[in-house]
């Protein structure tokens, strides 16, 4: 697919109905000469910035010797011819297409300059390491990987909330909780509820005699038999 750009059109590619076939003859001529000389190149776009000057944008994976092509084009068009080789990202911008998000590729829709996209940008955003998922139609990493990297970097540099027992000066050792005295135990007899009888197990004052909770049973003396008088 070859796109044409007419002079004075504000968009990168002219979509005016009256200008669609403006450079159709020049494009057909260039394609025939490319096939004649068997050049490994793909014609993408034709511009005419001046009256007697044409610019042919093309893509190729290798270096192309197009001296014979330029000579024939200049003799046929009677104008100066400039050949401009573009990279895969510029090719995607000229041709256009749709990304995996369903929208038109950003380079075609609104991007003007290309940023350097690296695999570290995907790692910084904690994305899966399968970079094939983030490869665009140009064969390079998609430009949208750089959209949120600045915000991710700002979030990473923000001070993190302090953890428990931690201050700006360092970590604080936790204080030991005071041990509370154990509550008095309750002793109950069989058949009685714990509330009916309680025995305090606290130590009594050493200067005071111990109080007996139960009275001592009376002592029973054995009665001896009386002696008979003789």
Protein backbone atom coordinates (compact mmCIF):
# COMPACT_ATOMS: atom_id res chain seq x y z
CA UNK A 1 0.00 0.00 0.00
CA UNK A 2 1.43 3.34 -1.06
CA UNK A 3 0.17 6.54 0.52
CA UNK A 4 0.35 9.90 -1.17
CA UNK A 5 0.85 13.28 0.43
CA UNK A 6 -0.24 16.33 -1.46
CA UNK A 7 1.34 19.75 -0.83
CA UNK A 8 -0.59 21.93 1.59
CA UNK A 9 -2.50 19.07 3.26
CA UNK A 10 -2.27 19.44 7.08
CA UNK A 11 -2.47 15.70 7.80
CA UNK A 12 0.45 13.30 7.38
CA UNK A 13 -1.47 11.51 4.62
CA UNK A 14 -3.87 13.24 2.28
CA UNK A 15 -7.42 11.87 2.43
CA UNK A 16 -8.97 14.44 0.13
CA UNK A 17 -11.03 12.70 -2.62
CA UNK A 18 -9.71 15.00 -5.33
CA UNK A 19 -6.09 14.41 -4.29
CA UNK A 20 -6.07 10.62 -3.85
CA UNK A 21 -4.67 10.00 -7.33
CA UNK A 22 -2.31 13.02 -7.26
CA UNK A 23 0.87 10.90 -7.42
CA UNK A 24 -0.63 7.71 -8.82
CA UNK A 25 1.36 7.92 -12.06
CA UNK A 26 4.63 8.63 -10.20
CA UNK A 27 3.96 5.69 -7.83
CA UNK A 28 3.28 3.29 -10.71
CA UNK A 29 6.43 4.43 -12.48
CA UNK A 30 8.57 3.97 -9.35
CA UNK A 31 7.14 0.47 -8.71
CA UNK A 32 7.89 -0.64 -12.27
CA UNK A 33 11.47 0.59 -12.04
CA UNK A 34 11.93 -1.08 -8.64
CA UNK A 35 10.77 -4.39 -10.11
CA UNK A 36 12.97 -3.85 -13.21
CA UNK A 37 16.14 -3.46 -11.17
CA UNK A 38 15.00 -6.02 -8.55
CA UNK A 39 15.67 -3.70 -5.65
CA UNK A 40 14.81 -4.99 -2.13
CA UNK A 41 12.73 -1.97 -1.17
CA UNK A 42 9.10 -1.10 -0.49
CA UNK A 43 7.65 2.22 -1.63
CA UNK A 44 5.63 3.85 1.15
CA UNK A 45 4.93 7.51 0.43
CA UNK A 46 5.55 10.24 -2.11
CA UNK A 47 5.86 13.91 -1.27
CA UNK A 48 6.30 16.96 -3.46
CA UNK A 49 7.50 19.77 -1.20
CA UNK A 50 8.51 21.91 -4.17
CA UNK A 51 7.39 22.25 -7.78
CA UNK A 52 10.42 20.50 -9.27
CA UNK A 53 11.23 18.09 -6.45
CA UNK A 54 9.89 14.68 -5.39
CA UNK A 55 10.67 12.74 -2.22
CA UNK A 56 10.15 8.98 -2.30
CA UNK A 57 9.95 7.33 1.14
CA UNK A 58 10.73 3.62 1.19
CA UNK A 59 11.61 0.87 3.65
CA UNK A 60 14.18 -1.88 3.35
CA UNK A 61 15.93 -4.32 5.64
CA UNK A 62 19.29 -3.80 3.89
CA UNK A 63 21.18 -0.98 2.27
CA UNK A 64 19.90 -0.28 -1.26
CA UNK A 65 21.86 1.05 -4.21
CA UNK A 66 19.19 3.14 -5.96
CA UNK A 67 21.38 5.24 -8.24
CA UNK A 68 19.91 3.72 -11.43
CA UNK A 69 16.40 4.18 -10.05
CA UNK A 70 16.98 7.87 -9.31
CA UNK A 71 18.48 8.42 -12.76
CA UNK A 72 15.44 6.95 -14.55
CA UNK A 73 12.95 8.77 -12.32
CA UNK A 74 14.60 12.12 -12.93
CA UNK A 75 14.63 11.58 -16.68
CA UNK A 76 10.94 10.61 -16.71
CA UNK A 77 9.65 13.22 -14.24
CA UNK A 78 12.02 16.04 -15.26
CA UNK A 79 12.44 16.92 -11.59
CA UNK A 80 14.82 16.39 -8.74
CA UNK A 81 14.28 13.05 -6.96
CA UNK A 82 15.22 12.35 -3.32
CA UNK A 83 15.09 8.83 -1.92
CA UNK A 84 14.47 8.60 1.84
CA UNK A 85 14.80 5.30 3.66
CA UNK A 86 12.76 4.99 6.87
CA UNK A 87 12.83 2.54 9.74
CA UNK A 88 10.14 0.08 10.81
CA UNK A 89 8.53 2.50 13.26
CA UNK A 90 8.25 5.24 10.66
CA UNK A 91 6.86 2.67 8.23
CA UNK A 92 4.10 1.77 10.70
CA UNK A 93 3.35 5.48 11.10
CA UNK A 94 2.97 5.96 7.35
CA UNK A 95 1.01 2.79 6.63
CA UNK A 96 -1.15 2.79 9.77
CA UNK A 97 -3.08 0.00 11.38
CA UNK A 98 -4.75 -1.09 14.62
CA UNK A 99 -3.12 -2.28 17.81
CA UNK A 100 -4.17 -5.09 20.17
CA UNK A 101 -6.22 -2.54 22.13
CA UNK A 102 -8.56 -2.12 19.15
CA UNK A 103 -7.60 1.50 18.48
CA UNK A 104 -5.51 2.99 15.70
CA UNK A 105 -1.80 2.74 16.42
CA UNK A 106 -0.57 5.75 18.40
CA UNK A 107 2.24 6.57 15.96
CA UNK A 108 -0.35 7.06 13.23
CA UNK A 109 -3.00 8.76 15.35
CA UNK A 110 -1.15 11.39 17.37
CA UNK A 111 2.52 10.60 18.15
CA UNK A 112 5.03 12.99 16.61
CA UNK A 113 8.33 11.79 18.09
CA UNK A 114 9.43 8.30 19.05
CA UNK A 115 10.92 7.53 22.45
CA UNK A 116 13.40 4.78 23.15
CA UNK A 117 11.47 1.76 24.50
CA UNK A 118 13.38 -0.86 26.50
CA UNK A 119 12.52 -4.09 28.29
CA UNK A 120 13.30 -2.39 31.61
CA UNK A 121 10.11 -0.35 31.22
CA UNK A 122 8.04 -3.54 31.27
CA UNK A 123 9.93 -4.85 34.30
CA UNK A 124 9.46 -1.55 36.16
CA UNK A 125 5.69 -1.87 35.69
CA UNK A 126 5.76 -5.50 36.91
CA UNK A 127 4.49 -6.82 33.59
CA UNK A 128 5.07 -10.40 32.40
CA UNK A 129 8.47 -11.01 30.89
CA UNK A 130 7.00 -12.34 27.62
CA UNK A 131 7.93 -9.37 25.44
CA UNK A 132 6.18 -10.87 22.41
CA UNK A 133 2.89 -9.62 23.88
CA UNK A 134 4.17 -6.04 23.79
CA UNK A 135 5.53 -6.05 20.24
CA UNK A 136 3.76 -3.74 17.81
CA UNK A 137 3.14 -4.09 14.09
CA UNK A 138 6.56 -2.54 13.45
CA UNK A 139 8.30 -5.43 15.21
CA UNK A 140 9.49 -3.16 18.03
CA UNK A 141 8.23 -2.78 21.58
CA UNK A 142 5.00 -0.79 21.67
CA UNK A 143 5.25 2.91 22.45
CA UNK A 144 2.51 2.70 25.08
CA UNK A 145 4.98 1.04 27.49
CA UNK A 146 6.45 4.50 28.09
CA UNK A 147 3.16 6.19 28.98
CA UNK A 148 3.07 5.16 32.65
CA UNK A 149 6.77 4.71 33.36
CA UNK A 150 7.11 8.28 34.69
CA UNK A 151 4.25 7.80 37.14
CA UNK A 152 5.65 4.43 38.23
CA UNK A 153 9.02 6.05 38.87
CA UNK A 154 7.39 8.81 40.94
CA UNK A 155 5.46 6.26 42.98
CA UNK A 156 8.64 4.29 43.59
CA UNK A 157 10.43 7.38 44.91
CA UNK A 158 7.61 8.35 47.26
CA UNK A 159 8.37 7.75 50.95
CA UNK A 160 6.88 4.48 52.03
CA UNK A 161 4.60 4.41 55.11
CA UNK A 162 6.41 3.57 58.33
CA UNK A 163 5.99 0.10 59.70
CA UNK A 164 5.05 -0.76 63.28
CA UNK A 165 7.72 0.21 65.85
CA UNK A 166 9.61 2.20 63.20
CA UNK A 167 10.43 5.92 63.02
CA UNK A 168 12.36 8.12 60.65
CA UNK A 169 15.42 7.75 62.88
CA UNK A 170 15.28 3.98 62.99
CA UNK A 171 13.47 1.07 64.53
CA UNK A 172 12.21 1.17 68.10
CA UNK A 173 12.30 -1.89 70.34
CA UNK A 174 8.81 -2.77 71.57
CA UNK A 175 8.15 -2.27 75.29
CA UNK A 176 7.49 -5.34 77.38
CA UNK A 177 4.00 -5.49 78.77
CA UNK A 178 3.73 -5.44 82.57
CA UNK A 179 2.72 -8.76 84.03
CA UNK A 180 -0.50 -8.49 86.00
CA UNK A 181 -0.88 -10.55 89.22
CA UNK A 182 -2.86 -13.69 88.81
CA UNK A 183 -6.46 -13.61 89.98
CA UNK A 184 -7.28 -15.63 93.16
CA UNK A 185 -8.30 -19.17 92.45
CA UNK A 186 -11.62 -20.52 93.56
CA UNK A 187 -11.87 -23.91 95.28
CA UNK A 188 -15.21 -25.64 95.40
CA UNK A 189 -16.34 -28.84 97.11
CA UNK A 190 -18.29 -31.48 95.26
CA UNK A 191 -21.92 -30.61 95.00
CA UNK A 192 -21.38 -26.94 95.74
CA UNK A 193 -21.14 -24.05 93.35
CA UNK A 194 -17.87 -22.10 93.26
CA UNK A 195 -19.60 -19.03 94.72
CA UNK A 196 -20.78 -20.73 97.92
CA UNK A 197 -17.34 -21.08 99.52
CA UNK A 198 -14.16 -19.23 98.65
CA UNK A 199 -10.72 -19.67 100.10
CA UNK A 200 -8.25 -16.84 99.72
CA UNK A 201 -4.84 -18.23 98.91
CA UNK A 202 -3.01 -14.97 99.56
CA UNK A 203 -0.23 -15.13 102.10
CA UNK A 204 -1.20 -13.82 105.49
CA UNK A 205 0.76 -11.30 107.43
CA UNK A 206 3.63 -13.03 109.24
CA UNK A 207 3.00 -10.97 112.40
CA UNK A 208 -0.59 -12.09 112.73
CA UNK A 209 -1.73 -15.57 113.67
CA UNK A 210 -3.43 -17.53 110.98
CA UNK A 211 -7.17 -17.52 111.18
CA UNK A 212 -8.86 -20.86 111.02
CA UNK A 213 -11.80 -20.95 108.76
CA UNK A 214 -13.38 -23.95 110.56
CA UNK A 215 -13.75 -24.32 114.40
CA UNK A 216 -11.87 -27.16 116.01
CA UNK A 217 -14.25 -29.96 116.99
CA UNK A 218 -14.63 -30.51 120.77
CA UNK A 219 -12.35 -33.07 122.35
CA UNK A 220 -14.20 -36.12 123.68
CA UNK A 221 -12.70 -37.63 126.83
CA UNK A 222 -13.13 -41.27 127.61
CA UNK A 223 -14.99 -41.86 130.87
CA UNK A 224 -13.24 -44.30 133.18
CA UNK A 225 -15.30 -46.76 135.30
CA UNK A 226 -15.65 -46.00 139.01
CA UNK A 227 -13.75 -48.10 141.52
CA UNK A 228 -15.83 -50.25 143.96
CA UNK A 229 -15.43 -49.71 147.63
CA UNK A 230 -14.18 -52.62 149.62
